[in-house]
Protein backbone atom coordinates (compact mmCIF):
# COMPACT_ATOMS: atom_id res chain seq x y z
CA MET A 1 24.10 131.80 72.17
CA PRO A 2 21.83 134.61 70.33
CA ARG A 3 22.32 135.67 67.22
CA ALA A 4 23.39 139.90 68.86
CA LEU A 5 26.24 138.84 71.30
CA ALA A 6 27.62 136.70 68.72
CA LEU A 7 28.24 139.83 66.51
CA TRP A 8 29.34 141.37 69.79
CA ILE A 9 31.67 138.51 70.22
CA ALA A 10 33.09 138.24 67.20
CA PHE A 11 33.61 142.29 66.31
CA THR A 12 34.24 143.79 69.85
CA GLY A 13 37.74 143.84 71.49
CA TRP A 14 35.60 142.76 74.85
CA GLY A 15 34.93 139.69 73.01
CA ALA A 16 38.20 138.73 71.57
CA MET A 17 38.36 139.46 76.16
CA PHE A 18 35.82 137.02 76.85
CA VAL A 19 36.76 134.27 74.56
CA MET A 20 40.73 134.11 76.72
CA ALA A 21 38.63 134.04 79.47
CA MET A 22 36.65 131.00 78.40
CA LEU A 23 40.01 129.24 77.37
CA LEU A 24 41.54 129.96 80.60
CA ALA A 25 38.98 128.60 83.05
CA ALA A 26 38.66 125.10 80.67
CA VAL A 27 42.56 124.61 81.20
CA VAL A 28 41.98 125.25 85.33
CA LEU A 29 38.83 123.54 85.79
CA GLY A 30 39.30 120.62 83.53
CA PRO A 31 36.20 119.03 81.32
CA PRO A 32 33.29 118.49 83.28
CA ALA A 33 32.14 115.22 84.36
CA SER A 34 30.73 113.08 82.11
CA ALA A 35 27.65 112.19 81.78
CA THR A 36 27.81 109.03 84.33
CA GLY A 37 29.07 110.94 87.17
CA THR A 38 32.23 109.17 87.36
CA GLN A 39 34.97 111.43 89.39
CA PRO A 40 38.41 112.47 88.59
CA SER A 41 40.51 109.37 89.78
CA ALA A 42 43.42 109.48 92.49
CA PRO A 43 47.07 110.36 90.97
CA ALA A 44 49.27 107.03 91.39
CA SER A 45 51.47 106.61 94.13
CA PRO A 46 55.36 107.18 92.77
CA ALA A 47 56.73 104.26 91.11
CA ALA A 48 59.46 102.95 92.43
CA PRO A 49 63.36 104.12 91.38
CA SER A 50 64.66 102.30 88.62
CA GLY A 51 68.29 103.51 88.68
CA PRO A 52 70.60 103.79 91.37
CA ILE A 53 69.66 105.13 94.70
CA GLY A 54 72.66 106.83 95.10
CA THR A 55 76.23 107.75 94.08
CA ILE A 56 79.85 107.58 95.44
CA GLU A 57 82.88 108.79 93.86
CA ILE A 58 86.18 107.66 95.10
CA ARG A 59 89.53 108.83 93.76
CA ALA A 60 92.80 107.06 92.81
CA PHE A 61 96.40 107.99 93.09
CA ASP A 62 99.88 106.34 92.98
CA LEU A 63 98.74 104.32 95.26
CA GLY A 64 96.01 104.52 96.97
CA PHE A 65 92.37 105.38 97.47
CA GLU A 66 90.15 108.32 98.98
CA PRO A 67 88.22 107.71 100.15
CA ALA A 68 89.53 104.30 101.21
CA MET A 69 86.21 103.92 103.52
CA VAL A 70 83.13 105.13 101.90
CA ASN A 71 79.98 105.02 103.90
CA VAL A 72 75.98 104.58 102.22
CA GLY A 73 72.62 105.43 104.00
CA ALA A 74 71.39 101.89 102.40
CA PRO A 75 71.54 98.60 100.72
CA GLY A 76 70.86 98.80 97.08
CA ARG A 77 72.56 99.81 93.09
CA TYR A 78 74.54 103.05 93.21
CA ALA A 79 76.74 104.84 90.24
CA VAL A 80 80.11 104.51 91.69
CA THR A 81 82.69 106.99 89.55
CA LEU A 82 86.39 106.11 89.63
CA VAL A 83 88.45 109.26 89.22
CA ASN A 84 92.24 108.25 88.39
CA GLU A 85 94.69 110.70 89.52
CA GLY A 86 97.42 108.65 89.12
CA GLY A 87 99.71 108.06 86.11
CA ILE A 88 99.26 104.79 85.44
CA PHE A 89 95.94 102.18 85.41
CA HIS A 90 93.80 101.78 87.88
CA ASP A 91 90.54 99.42 88.94
CA LEU A 92 88.22 99.11 91.45
CA THR A 93 87.86 95.42 91.82
CA PHE A 94 84.81 94.52 93.99
CA ALA A 95 84.18 91.82 96.13
CA ASP A 96 80.94 90.22 94.18
CA GLY A 97 83.14 90.18 90.58
CA THR A 98 82.05 94.45 89.70
CA GLN A 99 85.17 96.43 87.99
CA ILE A 100 85.20 99.45 87.16
CA GLY A 101 89.06 100.43 85.52
CA ALA A 102 90.11 103.99 84.67
CA GLU A 103 93.61 104.90 82.80
CA GLY A 104 95.78 107.81 84.38
CA GLY A 105 94.06 111.22 84.55
CA ALA A 106 90.49 109.35 83.39
CA THR A 107 87.41 109.18 84.85
CA THR A 108 84.96 106.25 84.45
CA THR A 109 81.46 105.46 86.30
CA ASP A 110 79.14 102.05 86.36
CA GLU A 111 77.07 100.64 88.52
CA VAL A 112 77.64 98.43 91.77
CA THR A 113 75.11 96.64 94.23
CA ILE A 114 75.81 97.63 97.80
CA PRO A 115 74.35 94.33 100.32
CA GLU A 116 73.30 95.21 103.48
CA ALA A 117 76.53 93.97 104.97
CA GLY A 118 78.61 96.11 102.60
CA LEU A 119 81.43 95.22 100.11
CA THR A 120 85.25 95.67 99.85
CA PHE A 121 87.02 96.78 96.75
CA ILE A 122 91.28 96.44 95.96
CA CYS A 123 92.98 97.71 92.78
CA SER A 124 93.79 94.45 91.02
CA VAL A 125 96.69 95.53 89.83
CA PRO A 126 99.73 93.46 90.81
CA GLY A 127 101.17 94.99 93.42
CA HIS A 128 98.50 97.66 94.02
CA ALA A 129 96.77 96.36 97.04
CA ASP A 130 99.68 95.09 98.90
CA GLY A 131 100.17 98.72 98.05
CA GLY A 132 97.68 99.57 100.13
CA MET A 133 94.80 100.33 97.61
CA ARG A 134 92.03 98.88 99.00
CA GLY A 135 89.24 99.72 101.25
CA GLU A 136 85.23 99.26 101.39
CA VAL A 137 81.44 100.26 101.44
CA MET A 138 79.53 100.32 104.52
CA VAL A 139 75.78 100.43 105.15
CA SER A 140 75.25 102.58 108.05
CA ASP A 141 71.93 104.59 109.23
CA ASP A 142 74.31 107.80 109.35
CA PRO A 143 75.70 107.80 105.80
CA SER A 144 77.83 110.47 107.43
CA ALA A 145 79.13 108.93 109.63
CA THR A 146 82.60 107.59 109.45
CA ALA A 147 84.71 104.19 109.54
CA ALA A 148 85.92 103.01 112.48
CA PRO A 149 90.09 102.70 112.51
CA PRO A 150 91.32 99.24 112.24
CA ALA A 151 93.06 97.97 115.24
CA SER A 152 96.54 99.24 115.48
CA ILE A 153 99.50 96.53 115.42
CA SER A 154 102.26 97.05 117.67
CA ALA A 155 105.88 97.94 116.53
CA GLU A 156 107.07 94.17 118.05
CA LEU A 157 104.17 92.50 115.63
CA LEU A 158 105.14 94.90 112.61
CA ARG A 159 108.58 93.69 112.49
CA ASN A 160 108.36 90.18 113.88
CA ALA A 161 106.71 90.02 110.78
CA ASP A 162 108.33 91.26 108.66
CA ALA A 163 111.73 89.00 109.77
CA ALA A 164 109.54 85.97 109.90
CA ARG A 165 108.95 86.59 106.09
CA THR A 166 112.59 87.71 105.45
CA ALA A 167 114.38 84.97 106.82
CA GLN A 168 112.87 82.44 104.61
CA PHE A 169 114.74 83.84 101.63
CA PRO A 170 115.46 82.14 99.38
CA ALA A 171 112.16 79.89 100.59
CA GLU A 172 111.49 76.18 98.20
CA THR A 173 109.10 76.05 95.87
CA GLU A 174 108.11 73.24 93.41
CA GLY A 175 109.48 73.89 89.66
CA ARG A 176 112.44 76.04 88.19
CA GLY A 177 112.39 77.86 85.23
CA ASN A 178 115.31 79.76 82.93
CA GLN A 179 117.03 76.19 82.29
CA ILE A 180 119.79 76.17 79.82
CA LEU A 181 118.14 73.85 77.07
CA GLU A 182 121.04 71.99 74.99
CA PRO A 183 119.97 71.12 72.05
CA THR A 184 119.78 68.12 69.40
CA ILE A 185 122.63 68.32 66.20
CA LEU A 186 121.18 67.46 63.19
CA ASP A 187 123.13 65.24 60.58
CA ASP A 188 123.92 68.68 58.61
CA GLY A 189 124.92 70.83 62.05
CA THR A 190 121.69 72.46 62.24
CA LYS A 191 120.45 72.98 66.49
CA GLN A 192 117.53 72.16 66.91
CA TRP A 193 114.74 72.70 70.20
CA GLU A 194 111.45 71.53 71.04
CA ILE A 195 109.21 74.16 72.66
CA THR A 196 105.92 73.34 73.79
CA ALA A 197 103.39 75.67 75.06
CA SER A 198 100.53 74.40 77.48
CA MET A 199 98.78 75.20 80.72
CA ILE A 200 99.85 74.44 84.01
CA GLU A 201 99.76 75.33 88.45
CA TRP A 202 103.14 76.78 89.09
CA GLU A 203 104.47 78.19 92.40
CA THR A 204 105.37 81.66 92.77
CA GLU A 205 106.04 81.54 96.25
CA PRO A 206 105.48 79.26 98.70
CA GLY A 207 101.68 77.72 98.99
CA VAL A 208 100.89 80.67 95.98
CA VAL A 209 100.03 77.85 93.62
CA VAL A 210 98.70 79.80 89.87
CA GLU A 211 97.43 78.72 86.97
CA ALA A 212 99.91 79.36 84.46
CA PHE A 213 100.98 79.09 81.04
CA ALA A 214 104.73 77.35 79.69
CA TYR A 215 107.30 76.56 77.93
CA ASN A 216 107.76 72.71 78.71
CA GLY A 217 106.59 73.14 81.65
CA THR A 218 108.81 75.58 83.37
CA VAL A 219 108.07 79.62 83.64
CA PRO A 220 110.43 81.06 82.55
CA GLY A 221 110.43 78.72 79.40
CA PRO A 222 114.10 76.86 78.61
CA GLN A 223 116.84 79.36 78.18
CA LEU A 224 118.54 78.59 74.24
CA HIS A 225 121.65 79.30 73.45
CA ALA A 226 123.15 79.83 69.74
CA GLU A 227 126.25 81.81 68.13
CA VAL A 228 126.15 83.73 65.10
CA GLY A 229 126.02 81.34 61.80
CA ASP A 230 124.09 79.05 63.39
CA ARG A 231 121.24 77.47 61.11
CA VAL A 232 118.54 76.59 64.03
CA ARG A 233 115.52 75.07 64.08
CA ILE A 234 112.54 75.67 66.91
CA ILE A 235 109.95 73.08 67.07
CA PHE A 236 106.68 74.49 68.11
CA ARG A 237 103.91 72.40 69.66
CA ASN A 238 100.46 74.35 70.78
CA GLU A 239 99.07 72.51 74.09
CA LEU A 240 97.03 75.09 74.99
CA PRO A 241 93.21 76.08 74.82
CA GLU A 242 93.99 79.08 72.21
CA PRO A 243 95.88 79.87 69.53
CA SER A 244 99.34 81.04 69.55
CA THR A 245 102.96 81.96 67.84
CA VAL A 246 106.61 82.16 68.63
CA HIS A 247 108.45 85.42 68.19
CA PHE A 248 111.72 85.77 68.20
CA HIS A 249 111.99 89.31 69.98
CA GLY A 250 115.21 91.18 68.98
CA LEU A 251 116.52 88.27 66.57
CA VAL A 252 117.09 89.21 63.05
CA VAL A 253 115.06 86.31 61.12
CA PRO A 254 113.59 86.03 57.87
CA ASN A 255 109.63 87.55 57.50
CA ALA A 256 108.17 84.14 57.43
CA MET A 257 109.66 83.07 61.05
CA ASP A 258 108.78 86.32 62.45
CA GLY A 259 105.91 84.62 64.19
CA VAL A 260 103.08 87.31 63.70
CA PRO A 261 99.63 85.86 62.71
CA VAL A 262 98.39 86.78 59.15
CA ILE A 263 101.28 89.21 58.56
CA THR A 264 103.47 86.54 58.71
CA GLN A 265 102.26 83.36 59.21
CA PRO A 266 99.03 81.20 60.55
CA ALA A 267 98.51 81.15 64.28
CA VAL A 268 98.88 77.53 65.36
CA MET A 269 95.79 76.52 66.32
CA PRO A 270 95.61 74.16 69.90
CA GLY A 271 97.07 70.35 69.03
CA GLU A 272 98.65 71.98 65.71
CA SER A 273 102.65 72.60 65.54
CA PHE A 274 104.97 75.32 63.83
CA THR A 275 108.64 74.62 62.79
CA TYR A 276 110.63 78.09 62.82
CA GLU A 277 114.03 77.57 60.68
CA PHE A 278 116.35 80.45 60.27
CA THR A 279 120.40 81.10 60.66
CA ILE A 280 121.36 82.95 63.69
CA ARG A 281 122.77 86.22 62.22
CA ASN A 282 123.38 89.22 65.32
CA ALA A 283 124.34 88.51 68.68
CA GLY A 284 122.87 89.41 71.96
CA SER A 285 120.52 89.07 74.75
CA HIS A 286 117.20 88.18 72.90
CA MET A 287 113.88 86.51 74.01
CA TYR A 288 111.10 84.42 72.71
CA HIS A 289 107.32 84.86 73.30
CA PRO A 290 104.41 85.02 71.59
CA HIS A 291 102.30 87.46 69.21
CA PHE A 292 99.20 85.82 69.66
CA MET A 293 96.94 87.88 72.27
CA ALA A 294 100.14 88.78 74.11
CA GLU A 295 98.55 90.51 76.15
CA HIS A 296 97.31 87.80 78.34
CA GLN A 297 99.95 85.02 77.16
CA VAL A 298 103.25 86.64 78.24
CA PRO A 299 101.75 87.87 81.67
CA MET A 300 100.67 84.32 82.24
CA GLY A 301 104.32 82.95 81.61
CA LEU A 302 105.15 82.23 78.04
CA LEU A 303 108.49 83.62 77.80
CA GLY A 304 112.02 82.68 77.36
CA ALA A 305 115.74 83.97 76.73
CA PHE A 306 117.28 83.14 73.81
CA ILE A 307 121.09 83.84 74.36
CA VAL A 308 123.70 84.38 71.24
CA THR A 309 127.11 84.85 70.92
CA ASP A 310 129.38 85.62 68.53
CA PRO A 311 132.95 84.21 68.05
CA ALA A 312 134.61 86.47 65.54
CA VAL A 313 134.01 89.00 68.47
CA THR A 314 137.13 89.04 70.54
CA ASP A 315 136.42 91.31 73.01
CA GLU A 316 133.46 90.50 74.86
CA PRO A 317 133.70 90.88 78.51
CA ALA A 318 134.62 88.74 80.67
CA ALA A 319 131.70 87.55 83.62
CA ASP A 320 132.76 84.74 86.24
CA ILE A 321 128.91 84.75 86.22
CA ASP A 322 126.39 85.14 83.24
CA TYR A 323 122.84 85.48 85.26
CA THR A 324 119.71 86.28 83.40
CA MET A 325 117.13 88.22 84.89
CA ILE A 326 113.86 88.05 83.25
CA ILE A 327 111.33 90.43 84.32
CA ASN A 328 107.18 90.02 84.20
CA ASP A 329 104.06 91.14 85.82
CA GLY A 330 100.41 90.34 85.92
CA PRO A 331 98.52 87.17 86.69
CA LEU A 332 101.46 85.56 88.20
CA GLY A 333 102.04 88.73 89.87
CA PHE A 334 105.81 90.47 90.27
CA THR A 335 108.09 87.92 89.23
CA LEU A 336 111.73 87.62 88.52
CA ASN A 337 112.43 84.38 86.65
CA GLY A 338 109.03 83.41 87.65
CA LYS A 339 108.92 83.64 91.49
CA GLY A 340 108.04 86.29 93.79
CA PHE A 341 110.60 86.77 97.14
CA PRO A 342 111.04 84.84 99.15
CA ALA A 343 111.26 82.10 96.77
CA THR A 344 113.37 84.21 93.89
CA GLU A 345 116.74 82.83 93.80
CA PRO A 346 119.70 85.67 95.11
CA ILE A 347 123.22 85.46 92.79
CA VAL A 348 126.16 84.05 94.74
CA ALA A 349 129.78 85.00 94.08
CA THR A 350 133.07 84.98 95.86
CA ARG A 351 134.59 88.23 96.59
CA GLY A 352 136.88 89.70 93.24
CA GLN A 353 134.38 87.62 90.78
CA THR A 354 132.61 89.53 87.97
CA ILE A 355 128.88 89.01 87.75
CA ARG A 356 127.33 89.78 84.32
CA VAL A 357 123.07 90.41 84.43
CA ARG A 358 121.51 90.01 81.09
CA TYR A 359 117.48 92.44 82.41
CA MET A 360 114.99 91.20 80.23
CA ASN A 361 111.92 92.51 80.60
CA GLU A 362 108.69 90.86 79.63
CA GLY A 363 106.04 92.78 81.69
CA LEU A 364 103.56 95.21 80.99
CA GLN A 365 105.42 98.29 82.65
CA ILE A 366 108.76 99.39 83.57
CA HIS A 367 110.87 98.63 86.69
CA PRO A 368 114.05 100.07 87.80
CA MET A 369 116.31 97.75 88.70
CA HIS A 370 118.63 98.98 92.11
CA LEU A 371 121.37 97.24 93.70
CA HIS A 372 122.58 98.28 96.71
CA GLY A 373 125.93 98.88 97.33
CA LEU A 374 127.72 97.63 94.43
CA PRO A 375 127.59 99.98 91.42
CA GLN A 376 126.50 98.22 87.82
CA LEU A 377 128.05 99.32 84.62
CA VAL A 378 125.66 99.11 81.97
CA ILE A 379 127.36 97.57 79.03
CA ALA A 380 124.81 97.07 76.57
CA LYS A 381 121.18 97.35 75.22
CA ASP A 382 118.63 95.47 73.26
CA GLY A 383 121.42 93.06 72.37
CA TYR A 384 123.62 96.17 71.05
CA SER A 385 127.18 96.58 72.87
CA LEU A 386 127.12 100.35 74.31
CA PRO A 387 130.46 102.47 72.90
CA ASP A 388 130.66 103.56 76.46
CA PRO A 389 129.67 101.90 78.92
CA HIS A 390 128.52 103.69 82.13
CA TYR A 391 128.00 103.44 85.98
CA GLU A 392 124.49 103.69 87.58
CA ASP A 393 122.49 101.86 90.74
CA THR A 394 119.49 102.23 89.63
CA VAL A 395 118.72 100.11 86.02
CA LEU A 396 115.48 101.07 84.13
CA VAL A 397 114.19 98.25 82.12
CA ALA A 398 111.06 99.25 79.70
CA PRO A 399 109.29 96.64 78.50
CA GLY A 400 110.62 94.99 75.41
CA GLU A 401 114.31 95.81 76.61
CA ARG A 402 117.15 94.01 77.78
CA ILE A 403 119.85 95.55 79.62
CA ASP A 404 123.06 94.18 80.14
CA VAL A 405 125.30 95.02 83.13
CA LEU A 406 128.77 94.07 84.74
CA ILE A 407 128.86 94.00 88.62
CA GLU A 408 132.17 93.31 90.68
CA ALA A 409 131.75 91.52 93.90
CA SER A 410 133.93 93.40 95.63
CA GLU A 411 131.99 94.54 98.99
CA LEU A 412 130.89 91.05 101.17
CA GLY A 413 127.26 90.65 102.53
CA ALA A 414 124.15 90.16 101.07
CA TRP A 415 122.63 93.19 99.21
CA ALA A 416 119.43 94.08 98.61
CA PHE A 417 118.42 93.48 94.68
CA HIS A 418 115.16 94.47 93.60
CA CYS A 419 112.61 96.86 91.52
CA HIS A 420 112.08 100.36 93.33
CA ILE A 421 108.91 101.06 92.22
CA LEU A 422 108.21 100.15 95.97
CA THR A 423 105.04 98.24 95.25
CA HIS A 424 106.27 95.83 93.00
CA ALA A 425 108.80 95.32 96.18
CA GLU A 426 107.18 95.78 99.49
CA GLY A 427 103.88 95.50 101.16
CA PRO A 428 101.80 95.53 104.94
CA ASP A 429 103.25 92.13 105.16
CA GLY A 430 107.37 92.60 104.28
CA MET A 431 109.31 92.42 100.66
CA PHE A 432 107.32 90.51 98.28
CA GLY A 433 107.28 89.94 94.62
CA MET A 434 110.72 91.73 92.96
CA VAL A 435 113.41 91.17 95.79
CA THR A 436 116.13 88.76 95.43
CA ALA A 437 119.66 89.82 96.62
CA VAL A 438 123.37 89.73 95.57
CA ILE A 439 125.42 87.92 98.11
CA VAL A 440 129.57 88.28 98.24
CA GLU A 441 131.07 85.93 100.64
CA GLU A 442 134.91 86.20 101.50
CA GLN A 443 136.69 83.65 98.71
């Protein structure tokens, strides 16, 4: 560049504008071709998407999905958002095993692969699918298309299916739990029981056999009876593939006998045993169950009743029938004493008799127990007598609670007796789960 031009560029405004123009041209036109004459390469074709090809949003409520039928335009991986507008936990359990869960009021997003044939989904919480929480994602060329409505079922078919199921009650199944186990009386008067936890196959209703955990081979485990002042010994043997313990829920025991791993004792490993020994101090309707992975082991069937009476109490209400009803929910379904309707056991009384029902909720959910036709006099809670008993027709039993009621068998007939969270008791095929009856017969 001539020296004069360089000085003009450096010291004049026109020079500054010249420099800016040169820089702009370099940006727009790019670098010059190389000396070999190679031309710029063509732009690469866009890469296939590595993430989800679309999104799906499903709202859950108590008890249903919206939409229940979802159409997508192509098979592939989708981001699925579950918006739980209900008050309790719900999930989307797809047929390929994918699960997306959310607590009440929460939202969760995960991914699922939808095949060409589509994919069904349910809520896996026991009873929720039966209550209507089911749906399907379908693949359609027109993603805006709506699902075809299900084939209609005549009123007669619905009536007949419901009647056929109810007519099985009380259906026979293999195994019966909650039976009284008499203790061995030792030389010093100690009452001793041996309790073994193991895995079994358990029939909850006709033809429905599930894997369960059990004490002494039954669900619930054996019912234990003692009196205030008794010295008791429970020898626990663990034949499960995982550690466990026994906690005596509601009983006042020495700290070392409370059954909480690390805090009061070592966990009882598979093949090991542990002996619990203490003197009974308080009467009432109590329970026993594990305190190791209890959220899993108890719903699987490790539960039992421990009934304590006090010979010094002279005003205990008299009853002709004393019936313990252990309520549970989880992998075994909605059960009363380990069975679901129509395999549940009715309470049969003659007119004029008094029935004492000891509710024990070992489940993870609340259960309002409603009895048709006969009021329930609530007399005790958690083993303690109420100073002012009162009548209810629907008795709310929360997890861990024990509620004792008296029922006067005053009205003849078969009276439905069920949890009034209706998805625990009825579904498209009729009654199931937490349903039984009080049958009052003539003397």
